[in-house]
Amino acid sequence: MNLLIPEDKAIEVLSKRITELNDFNFQAKVWKDKVINDLKEIYPLGDTRWLQISGLHFETVIQSEKYSVLQKAKLQAKQLIESYIEQIREYSKIREEKQIIVENNYHQKYSELLNDWNKLVPDYNALLKEKDGLLKRIEFAEEEKREKQNEINGLIENTVQLSNISFSKLFKLLFNLPIGQIVAFFAIIIAIIGGAFKLGMLYSDSISKNEQYELRIERDKLKSENVKLKSDIESKSLKTESNKRLIDSLRNE
């Protein structure tokens, strides 16, 4: 039941109209007009209670029945207005009980959401720490890869430098040897250099492939863990954002 004025004020006005029924100088028409105006001010447009009051007959042309007609109309008027007051009080009580139920449900729901939120925060913080740890492991693996690559490049460079130094010394010795010895020595040196260079290349190739294979496996593993971590973080973030919006909507209500 919707009223246009506060409930206590409506009850006060209607109670006053009941008291006026017992006034010594009671005037039926004036009283009816006042009550009809009051009902139109209390209840919204479309309410028909004022028609009940308008239909009361306080007077009659039969002289002997005037008093009984007046008393009967007063009694009907009193009963009608008392029923209006009772309805207002009953609906007011019902509305208060509904409000209490709504508030209790709100507090219960808010408490549940708050507990969920308190559980999510540690999990979210743990995921952030795990993510930081994975990032550091990835950076460490990349740094280790660069160091290994530098070692490989150093080995290749040193092999070439050793070859150059050997050739330089060989050319200096050639001028002091006979032609037969020069040819034999040149052949031996070339064979040694070629073998050493080939062994160095094979060794560096083998190390490079092994290191790259291990680094690739470690990097793939870290990428997989990072993807899973990002997915978990996004899921937790969505759930956290949903709970925030639900808490805010409950607060706004």
C-alpha atoms as a PDB file:
ATOM      1  CA  MET A   1       0.000   0.000   0.000  1.00  0.00           C
ATOM      2  CA  ASN A   2       1.460   3.314  -1.133  1.00  0.00           C
ATOM      3  CA  LEU A   3       0.491   6.504   0.711  1.00  0.00           C
ATOM      4  CA  LEU A   4       1.068  10.050  -0.381  1.00  0.00           C
ATOM      5  CA  ILE A   5       1.901  11.188   3.156  1.00  0.00           C
ATOM      6  CA  PRO A   6       3.751   9.503   6.068  1.00  0.00           C
ATOM      7  CA  GLU A   7       1.828   6.706   7.737  1.00  0.00           C
ATOM      8  CA  ASP A   8       1.821   8.252  11.226  1.00  0.00           C
ATOM      9  CA  LYS A   9       0.490  11.521   9.820  1.00  0.00           C
ATOM     10  CA  ALA A  10      -2.304   9.677   7.952  1.00  0.00           C
ATOM     11  CA  ILE A  11      -3.322   7.824  11.124  1.00  0.00           C
ATOM     12  CA  GLU A  12      -3.315  11.093  13.072  1.00  0.00           C
ATOM     13  CA  VAL A  13      -5.624  12.832  10.546  1.00  0.00           C
ATOM     14  CA  LEU A  14      -8.068   9.899  10.333  1.00  0.00           C
ATOM     15  CA  SER A  15      -8.173   9.519  14.132  1.00  0.00           C
ATOM     16  CA  LYS A  16      -9.053  13.188  14.419  1.00  0.00           C
ATOM     17  CA  ARG A  17     -11.998  12.699  12.035  1.00  0.00           C
ATOM     18  CA  ILE A  18     -13.319   9.862  14.250  1.00  0.00           C
ATOM     19  CA  THR A  19     -13.195  12.185  17.277  1.00  0.00           C
ATOM     20  CA  GLU A  20     -15.110  14.866  15.363  1.00  0.00           C
ATOM     21  CA  LEU A  21     -18.059  12.445  14.956  1.00  0.00           C
ATOM     22  CA  ASN A  22     -18.877  13.067  18.624  1.00  0.00           C
ATOM     23  CA  ASP A  23     -18.712  16.872  18.440  1.00  0.00           C
ATOM     24  CA  PHE A  24     -21.760  18.640  19.832  1.00  0.00           C
ATOM     25  CA  ASN A  25     -22.038  20.864  16.752  1.00  0.00           C
ATOM     26  CA  PHE A  26     -21.446  17.999  14.271  1.00  0.00           C
ATOM     27  CA  GLN A  27     -22.300  18.967  10.696  1.00  0.00           C
ATOM     28  CA  ALA A  28     -22.528  15.943   8.431  1.00  0.00           C
ATOM     29  CA  LYS A  29     -21.851  17.638   5.074  1.00  0.00           C
ATOM     30  CA  VAL A  30     -18.846  19.574   6.354  1.00  0.00           C
ATOM     31  CA  TRP A  31     -17.461  16.454   7.999  1.00  0.00           C
ATOM     32  CA  LYS A  32     -17.931  14.337   4.840  1.00  0.00           C
ATOM     33  CA  ASP A  33     -16.186  16.941   2.654  1.00  0.00           C
ATOM     34  CA  LYS A  34     -13.241  17.114   5.048  1.00  0.00           C
ATOM     35  CA  VAL A  35     -12.858  13.302   5.151  1.00  0.00           C
ATOM     36  CA  ILE A  36     -13.158  12.987   1.362  1.00  0.00           C
ATOM     37  CA  ASN A  37     -10.432  15.625   0.896  1.00  0.00           C
ATOM     38  CA  ASP A  38      -8.270  13.883   3.500  1.00  0.00           C
ATOM     39  CA  LEU A  39      -8.591  10.494   1.751  1.00  0.00           C
ATOM     40  CA  LYS A  40      -7.647  12.030  -1.602  1.00  0.00           C
ATOM     41  CA  GLU A  41      -4.564  13.562   0.012  1.00  0.00           C
ATOM     42  CA  ILE A  42      -3.606  10.319   1.778  1.00  0.00           C
ATOM     43  CA  TYR A  43      -4.193   7.744  -0.965  1.00  0.00           C
ATOM     44  CA  PRO A  44      -2.953   7.878  -4.590  1.00  0.00           C
ATOM     45  CA  LEU A  45      -5.102   8.713  -7.589  1.00  0.00           C
ATOM     46  CA  GLY A  46      -7.531   5.907  -8.414  1.00  0.00           C
ATOM     47  CA  ASP A  47      -8.233   4.877  -4.832  1.00  0.00           C
ATOM     48  CA  THR A  48     -12.006   4.584  -4.143  1.00  0.00           C
ATOM     49  CA  ARG A  49     -12.172   4.861  -0.358  1.00  0.00           C
ATOM     50  CA  TRP A  50     -13.523   8.395  -0.583  1.00  0.00           C
ATOM     51  CA  LEU A  51     -16.560   7.006  -2.444  1.00  0.00           C
ATOM     52  CA  GLN A  52     -17.440   4.920   0.624  1.00  0.00           C
ATOM     53  CA  ILE A  53     -17.569   8.047   2.765  1.00  0.00           C
ATOM     54  CA  SER A  54     -19.422   9.941   0.053  1.00  0.00           C
ATOM     55  CA  GLY A  55     -22.111   7.241   0.048  1.00  0.00           C
ATOM     56  CA  LEU A  56     -22.953   7.668   3.735  1.00  0.00           C
ATOM     57  CA  HIS A  57     -26.374   9.250   4.468  1.00  0.00           C
ATOM     58  CA  PHE A  58     -26.594  11.188   7.712  1.00  0.00           C
ATOM     59  CA  GLU A  59     -30.044  12.730   7.088  1.00  0.00           C
ATOM     60  CA  THR A  60     -33.583  11.645   6.161  1.00  0.00           C
ATOM     61  CA  VAL A  61     -36.837  13.412   5.367  1.00  0.00           C
ATOM     62  CA  ILE A  62     -38.664  11.238   7.880  1.00  0.00           C
ATOM     63  CA  GLN A  63     -38.693  13.236  11.067  1.00  0.00           C
ATOM     64  CA  SER A  64     -39.060  10.257  13.413  1.00  0.00           C
ATOM     65  CA  GLU A  65     -36.014   8.486  11.932  1.00  0.00           C
ATOM     66  CA  LYS A  66     -33.590  11.408  11.775  1.00  0.00           C
ATOM     67  CA  TYR A  67     -31.773  10.518  15.000  1.00  0.00           C
ATOM     68  CA  SER A  68     -31.440   6.810  14.228  1.00  0.00           C
ATOM     69  CA  VAL A  69     -30.265   7.531  10.661  1.00  0.00           C
ATOM     70  CA  LEU A  70     -27.667   9.987  11.977  1.00  0.00           C
ATOM     71  CA  GLN A  71     -26.352   7.559  14.606  1.00  0.00           C
ATOM     72  CA  LYS A  72     -26.250   4.694  12.130  1.00  0.00           C
ATOM     73  CA  ALA A  73     -24.282   6.797   9.610  1.00  0.00           C
ATOM     74  CA  LYS A  74     -21.874   7.922  12.335  1.00  0.00           C
ATOM     75  CA  LEU A  75     -21.274   4.309  13.335  1.00  0.00           C
ATOM     76  CA  GLN A  76     -20.634   3.290   9.715  1.00  0.00           C
ATOM     77  CA  ALA A  77     -18.289   6.256   9.266  1.00  0.00           C
ATOM     78  CA  LYS A  78     -16.368   5.336  12.407  1.00  0.00           C
ATOM     79  CA  GLN A  79     -16.034   1.687  11.357  1.00  0.00           C
ATOM     80  CA  LEU A  80     -14.864   2.654   7.864  1.00  0.00           C
ATOM     81  CA  ILE A  81     -12.207   5.063   9.120  1.00  0.00           C
ATOM     82  CA  GLU A  82     -11.055   2.596  11.776  1.00  0.00           C
ATOM     83  CA  SER A  83     -10.645  -0.036   9.022  1.00  0.00           C
ATOM     84  CA  TYR A  84      -8.510   2.445   7.054  1.00  0.00           C
ATOM     85  CA  ILE A  85      -6.306   3.030  10.090  1.00  0.00           C
ATOM     86  CA  GLU A  86      -5.980  -0.707  10.738  1.00  0.00           C
ATOM     87  CA  GLN A  87      -5.005  -1.347   7.131  1.00  0.00           C
ATOM     88  CA  ILE A  88      -2.343   1.344   7.290  1.00  0.00           C
ATOM     89  CA  ARG A  89      -0.888  -0.170  10.472  1.00  0.00           C
ATOM     90  CA  GLU A  90      -0.978  -3.719   9.108  1.00  0.00           C
ATOM     91  CA  TYR A  91       0.703  -2.802   5.833  1.00  0.00           C
ATOM     92  CA  SER A  92       3.243  -0.746   7.743  1.00  0.00           C
ATOM     93  CA  LYS A  93       4.098  -3.763   9.901  1.00  0.00           C
ATOM     94  CA  ILE A  94       4.355  -6.014   6.835  1.00  0.00           C
ATOM     95  CA  ARG A  95       6.662  -3.535   5.110  1.00  0.00           C
ATOM     96  CA  GLU A  96       8.879  -3.336   8.191  1.00  0.00           C
ATOM     97  CA  GLU A  97       9.107  -7.133   8.365  1.00  0.00           C
ATOM     98  CA  LYS A  98       9.997  -7.295   4.680  1.00  0.00           C
ATOM     99  CA  GLN A  99      12.640  -4.652   5.202  1.00  0.00           C
ATOM    100  CA  ILE A 100      14.138  -6.651   8.070  1.00  0.00           C
ATOM    101  CA  ILE A 101      14.225  -9.773   5.872  1.00  0.00           C
ATOM    102  CA  VAL A 102      15.876  -7.843   3.049  1.00  0.00           C
ATOM    103  CA  GLU A 103      18.469  -6.369   5.399  1.00  0.00           C
ATOM    104  CA  ASN A 104      19.216  -9.773   6.935  1.00  0.00           C
ATOM    105  CA  ASN A 105      19.626 -11.295   3.466  1.00  0.00           C
ATOM    106  CA  TYR A 106      21.856  -8.411   2.476  1.00  0.00           C
ATOM    107  CA  HIS A 107      24.082  -8.797   5.533  1.00  0.00           C
ATOM    108  CA  GLN A 108      24.297 -12.556   5.008  1.00  0.00           C
ATOM    109  CA  LYS A 109      25.170 -12.177   1.327  1.00  0.00           C
ATOM    110  CA  TYR A 110      27.636  -9.416   2.093  1.00  0.00           C
ATOM    111  CA  SER A 111      29.292 -11.593   4.749  1.00  0.00           C
ATOM    112  CA  GLU A 112      29.569 -14.508   2.305  1.00  0.00           C
ATOM    113  CA  LEU A 113      31.075 -12.293  -0.380  1.00  0.00           C
ATOM    114  CA  LEU A 114      33.480 -10.777   2.117  1.00  0.00           C
ATOM    115  CA  ASN A 115      34.654 -14.251   3.139  1.00  0.00           C
ATOM    116  CA  ASP A 116      35.137 -15.199  -0.522  1.00  0.00           C
ATOM    117  CA  TRP A 117      37.091 -11.993  -1.076  1.00  0.00           C
ATOM    118  CA  ASN A 118      39.338 -12.692   1.929  1.00  0.00           C
ATOM    119  CA  LYS A 119      40.027 -16.158   0.512  1.00  0.00           C
ATOM    120  CA  LEU A 120      40.804 -14.810  -2.955  1.00  0.00           C
ATOM    121  CA  VAL A 121      43.317 -12.184  -1.831  1.00  0.00           C
ATOM    122  CA  PRO A 122      45.959 -14.651  -0.501  1.00  0.00           C
ATOM    123  CA  ASP A 123      45.537 -16.870  -3.580  1.00  0.00           C
ATOM    124  CA  TYR A 124      45.950 -13.859  -5.858  1.00  0.00           C
ATOM    125  CA  ASN A 125      49.060 -12.696  -4.000  1.00  0.00           C
ATOM    126  CA  ALA A 126      50.504 -16.207  -4.195  1.00  0.00           C
ATOM    127  CA  LEU A 127      49.932 -16.245  -7.968  1.00  0.00           C
ATOM    128  CA  LEU A 128      51.699 -12.905  -8.321  1.00  0.00           C
ATOM    129  CA  LYS A 129      54.697 -14.249  -6.396  1.00  0.00           C
ATOM    130  CA  GLU A 130      54.718 -17.378  -8.534  1.00  0.00           C
ATOM    131  CA  LYS A 131      54.605 -15.247 -11.657  1.00  0.00           C
ATOM    132  CA  ASP A 132      57.565 -13.158 -10.446  1.00  0.00           C
ATOM    133  CA  GLY A 133      59.496 -16.359  -9.750  1.00  0.00           C
ATOM    134  CA  LEU A 134      58.834 -17.694 -13.245  1.00  0.00           C
ATOM    135  CA  LEU A 135      59.907 -14.413 -14.828  1.00  0.00           C
ATOM    136  CA  LYS A 136      63.159 -14.509 -12.886  1.00  0.00           C
ATOM    137  CA  ARG A 137      63.735 -18.121 -13.975  1.00  0.00           C
ATOM    138  CA  ILE A 138      63.144 -17.120 -17.606  1.00  0.00           C
ATOM    139  CA  GLU A 139      65.592 -14.221 -17.296  1.00  0.00           C
ATOM    140  CA  PHE A 140      68.152 -16.522 -15.674  1.00  0.00           C
ATOM    141  CA  ALA A 141      67.733 -19.106 -18.469  1.00  0.00           C
ATOM    142  CA  GLU A 142      68.143 -16.420 -21.143  1.00  0.00           C
ATOM    143  CA  GLU A 143      71.282 -15.109 -19.441  1.00  0.00           C
ATOM    144  CA  GLU A 144      72.679 -18.621 -19.187  1.00  0.00           C
ATOM    145  CA  LYS A 145      71.935 -19.146 -22.879  1.00  0.00           C
ATOM    146  CA  ARG A 146      73.837 -15.979 -23.777  1.00  0.00           C
ATOM    147  CA  GLU A 147      76.803 -17.067 -21.674  1.00  0.00           C
ATOM    148  CA  LYS A 148      76.888 -20.479 -23.353  1.00  0.00           C
ATOM    149  CA  GLN A 149      76.711 -18.856 -26.764  1.00  0.00           C
ATOM    150  CA  ASN A 150      79.603 -16.567 -25.828  1.00  0.00           C
ATOM    151  CA  GLU A 151      81.642 -19.608 -24.769  1.00  0.00           C
ATOM    152  CA  ILE A 152      80.916 -21.294 -28.109  1.00  0.00           C
ATOM    153  CA  ASN A 153      81.885 -18.166 -30.031  1.00  0.00           C
ATOM    154  CA  GLY A 154      85.099 -17.966 -27.973  1.00  0.00           C
ATOM    155  CA  LEU A 155      85.989 -21.544 -28.803  1.00  0.00           C
ATOM    156  CA  ILE A 156      85.474 -20.948 -32.510  1.00  0.00           C
ATOM    157  CA  GLU A 157      87.497 -17.733 -32.409  1.00  0.00           C
ATOM    158  CA  ASN A 158      90.350 -19.384 -30.483  1.00  0.00           C
ATOM    159  CA  THR A 159      90.501 -22.246 -32.985  1.00  0.00           C
ATOM    160  CA  VAL A 160      90.887 -19.802 -35.847  1.00  0.00           C
ATOM    161  CA  GLN A 161      93.554 -17.810 -34.001  1.00  0.00           C
ATOM    162  CA  LEU A 162      95.574 -20.940 -33.267  1.00  0.00           C
ATOM    163  CA  SER A 163      95.431 -21.824 -36.959  1.00  0.00           C
ATOM    164  CA  ASN A 164      96.703 -18.387 -37.925  1.00  0.00           C
ATOM    165  CA  ILE A 165      99.587 -18.561 -35.449  1.00  0.00           C
ATOM    166  CA  SER A 166     100.615 -22.001 -36.725  1.00  0.00           C
ATOM    167  CA  PHE A 167     100.638 -20.825 -40.312  1.00  0.00           C
ATOM    168  CA  SER A 168     102.735 -17.792 -39.411  1.00  0.00           C
ATOM    169  CA  LYS A 169     105.405 -19.911 -37.749  1.00  0.00           C
ATOM    170  CA  LEU A 170     105.381 -22.432 -40.549  1.00  0.00           C
ATOM    171  CA  PHE A 171     106.009 -19.771 -43.175  1.00  0.00           C
ATOM    172  CA  LYS A 172     109.018 -18.496 -41.229  1.00  0.00           C
ATOM    173  CA  LEU A 173     110.541 -21.980 -41.018  1.00  0.00           C
ATOM    174  CA  LEU A 174     110.092 -22.744 -44.691  1.00  0.00           C
ATOM    175  CA  PHE A 175     113.029 -20.592 -45.721  1.00  0.00           C
ATOM    176  CA  ASN A 176     115.542 -22.721 -43.761  1.00  0.00           C
ATOM    177  CA  LEU A 177     114.396 -26.207 -44.882  1.00  0.00           C
ATOM    178  CA  PRO A 178     115.186 -28.264 -48.018  1.00  0.00           C
ATOM    179  CA  ILE A 179     112.496 -28.528 -50.620  1.00  0.00           C
ATOM    180  CA  GLY A 180     111.656 -32.193 -49.761  1.00  0.00           C
ATOM    181  CA  GLN A 181     111.373 -31.458 -46.062  1.00  0.00           C
ATOM    182  CA  ILE A 182     109.352 -28.335 -46.772  1.00  0.00           C
ATOM    183  CA  VAL A 183     106.845 -30.332 -48.762  1.00  0.00           C
ATOM    184  CA  ALA A 184     106.616 -33.067 -46.101  1.00  0.00           C
ATOM    185  CA  PHE A 185     106.432 -30.562 -43.260  1.00  0.00           C
ATOM    186  CA  PHE A 186     103.839 -28.481 -45.086  1.00  0.00           C
ATOM    187  CA  ALA A 187     101.708 -31.599 -45.642  1.00  0.00           C
ATOM    188  CA  ILE A 188     101.971 -32.614 -41.966  1.00  0.00           C
ATOM    189  CA  ILE A 189     101.119 -29.126 -40.725  1.00  0.00           C
ATOM    190  CA  ILE A 190      98.154 -28.887 -43.047  1.00  0.00           C
ATOM    191  CA  ALA A 191      96.900 -32.275 -41.870  1.00  0.00           C
ATOM    192  CA  ILE A 192      97.326 -31.291 -38.207  1.00  0.00           C
ATOM    193  CA  ILE A 193      95.636 -27.928 -38.680  1.00  0.00           C
ATOM    194  CA  GLY A 194      92.820 -29.409 -40.711  1.00  0.00           C
ATOM    195  CA  GLY A 195      92.225 -32.158 -38.129  1.00  0.00           C
ATOM    196  CA  ALA A 196      92.394 -29.724 -35.236  1.00  0.00           C
ATOM    197  CA  PHE A 197      90.043 -27.313 -36.957  1.00  0.00           C
ATOM    198  CA  LYS A 198      87.601 -30.091 -37.818  1.00  0.00           C
ATOM    199  CA  LEU A 199      87.683 -31.496 -34.281  1.00  0.00           C
ATOM    200  CA  GLY A 200      87.162 -28.013 -32.858  1.00  0.00           C
ATOM    201  CA  MET A 201      84.213 -27.407 -35.127  1.00  0.00           C
ATOM    202  CA  LEU A 202      82.685 -30.787 -34.325  1.00  0.00           C
ATOM    203  CA  TYR A 203      83.187 -30.217 -30.600  1.00  0.00           C
ATOM    204  CA  SER A 204      81.747 -26.728 -30.659  1.00  0.00           C
ATOM    205  CA  ASP A 205      78.897 -27.919 -32.865  1.00  0.00           C
ATOM    206  CA  SER A 206      78.111 -30.722 -30.463  1.00  0.00           C
ATOM    207  CA  ILE A 207      78.201 -28.439 -27.417  1.00  0.00           C
ATOM    208  CA  SER A 208      76.118 -25.793 -29.171  1.00  0.00           C
ATOM    209  CA  LYS A 209      73.450 -28.292 -30.214  1.00  0.00           C
ATOM    210  CA  ASN A 210      73.287 -29.889 -26.776  1.00  0.00           C
ATOM    211  CA  GLU A 211      73.079 -26.532 -24.995  1.00  0.00           C
ATOM    212  CA  GLN A 212      70.507 -25.171 -27.433  1.00  0.00           C
ATOM    213  CA  TYR A 213      68.412 -28.326 -27.067  1.00  0.00           C
ATOM    214  CA  GLU A 214      68.473 -28.092 -23.261  1.00  0.00           C
ATOM    215  CA  LEU A 215      67.737 -24.366 -23.341  1.00  0.00           C
ATOM    216  CA  ARG A 216      64.883 -24.889 -25.787  1.00  0.00           C
ATOM    217  CA  ILE A 217      63.317 -27.559 -23.540  1.00  0.00           C
ATOM    218  CA  GLU A 218      63.696 -25.329 -20.461  1.00  0.00           C
ATOM    219  CA  ARG A 219      62.300 -22.294 -22.295  1.00  0.00           C
ATOM    220  CA  ASP A 220      59.302 -24.284 -23.612  1.00  0.00           C
ATOM    221  CA  LYS A 221      58.635 -25.547 -20.122  1.00  0.00           C
ATOM    222  CA  LEU A 222      58.830 -22.021 -18.690  1.00  0.00           C
ATOM    223  CA  LYS A 223      56.548 -20.681 -21.446  1.00  0.00           C
ATOM    224  CA  SER A 224      53.999 -23.377 -20.683  1.00  0.00           C
ATOM    225  CA  GLU A 225      54.109 -22.580 -16.982  1.00  0.00           C
ATOM    226  CA  ASN A 226      53.874 -18.849 -17.753  1.00  0.00           C
ATOM    227  CA  VAL A 227      50.776 -19.367 -19.971  1.00  0.00           C
ATOM    228  CA  LYS A 228      49.117 -21.428 -17.251  1.00  0.00           C
ATOM    229  CA  LEU A 229      49.999 -18.791 -14.655  1.00  0.00           C
ATOM    230  CA  LYS A 230      48.590 -15.984 -16.820  1.00  0.00           C
ATOM    231  CA  SER A 231      45.388 -17.968 -17.311  1.00  0.00           C
ATOM    232  CA  ASP A 232      45.079 -18.540 -13.559  1.00  0.00           C
ATOM    233  CA  ILE A 233      45.739 -14.851 -12.845  1.00  0.00           C
ATOM    234  CA  GLU A 234      43.139 -13.735 -15.402  1.00  0.00           C
ATOM    235  CA  SER A 235      40.592 -16.191 -13.962  1.00  0.00           C
ATOM    236  CA  LYS A 236      41.256 -14.985 -10.415  1.00  0.00           C
ATOM    237  CA  SER A 237      41.128 -11.346 -11.578  1.00  0.00           C
ATOM    238  CA  LEU A 238      37.743 -11.882 -13.294  1.00  0.00           C
ATOM    239  CA  LYS A 239      36.334 -13.586 -10.220  1.00  0.00           C
ATOM    240  CA  THR A 240      37.718 -10.800  -7.983  1.00  0.00           C
ATOM    241  CA  GLU A 241      36.242  -8.087 -10.234  1.00  0.00           C
ATOM    242  CA  SER A 242      32.866  -9.873 -10.294  1.00  0.00           C
ATOM    243  CA  ASN A 243      32.813 -10.041  -6.479  1.00  0.00           C
ATOM    244  CA  LYS A 244      33.707  -6.349  -6.265  1.00  0.00           C
ATOM    245  CA  ARG A 245      30.855  -5.382  -8.579  1.00  0.00           C
ATOM    246  CA  LEU A 246      28.439  -7.579  -6.641  1.00  0.00           C
ATOM    247  CA  ILE A 247      29.553  -6.024  -3.310  1.00  0.00           C
ATOM    248  CA  ASP A 248      29.217  -2.512  -4.805  1.00  0.00           C
ATOM    249  CA  SER A 249      25.712  -3.304  -6.154  1.00  0.00           C
ATOM    250  CA  LEU A 250      24.690  -4.627  -2.750  1.00  0.00           C
ATOM    251  CA  ARG A 251      26.060  -1.502  -1.084  1.00  0.00           C
ATOM    252  CA  ASN A 252      24.181   0.734  -3.548  1.00  0.00           C
ATOM    253  CA  GLU A 253      20.944  -1.091  -2.810  1.00  0.00           C
END
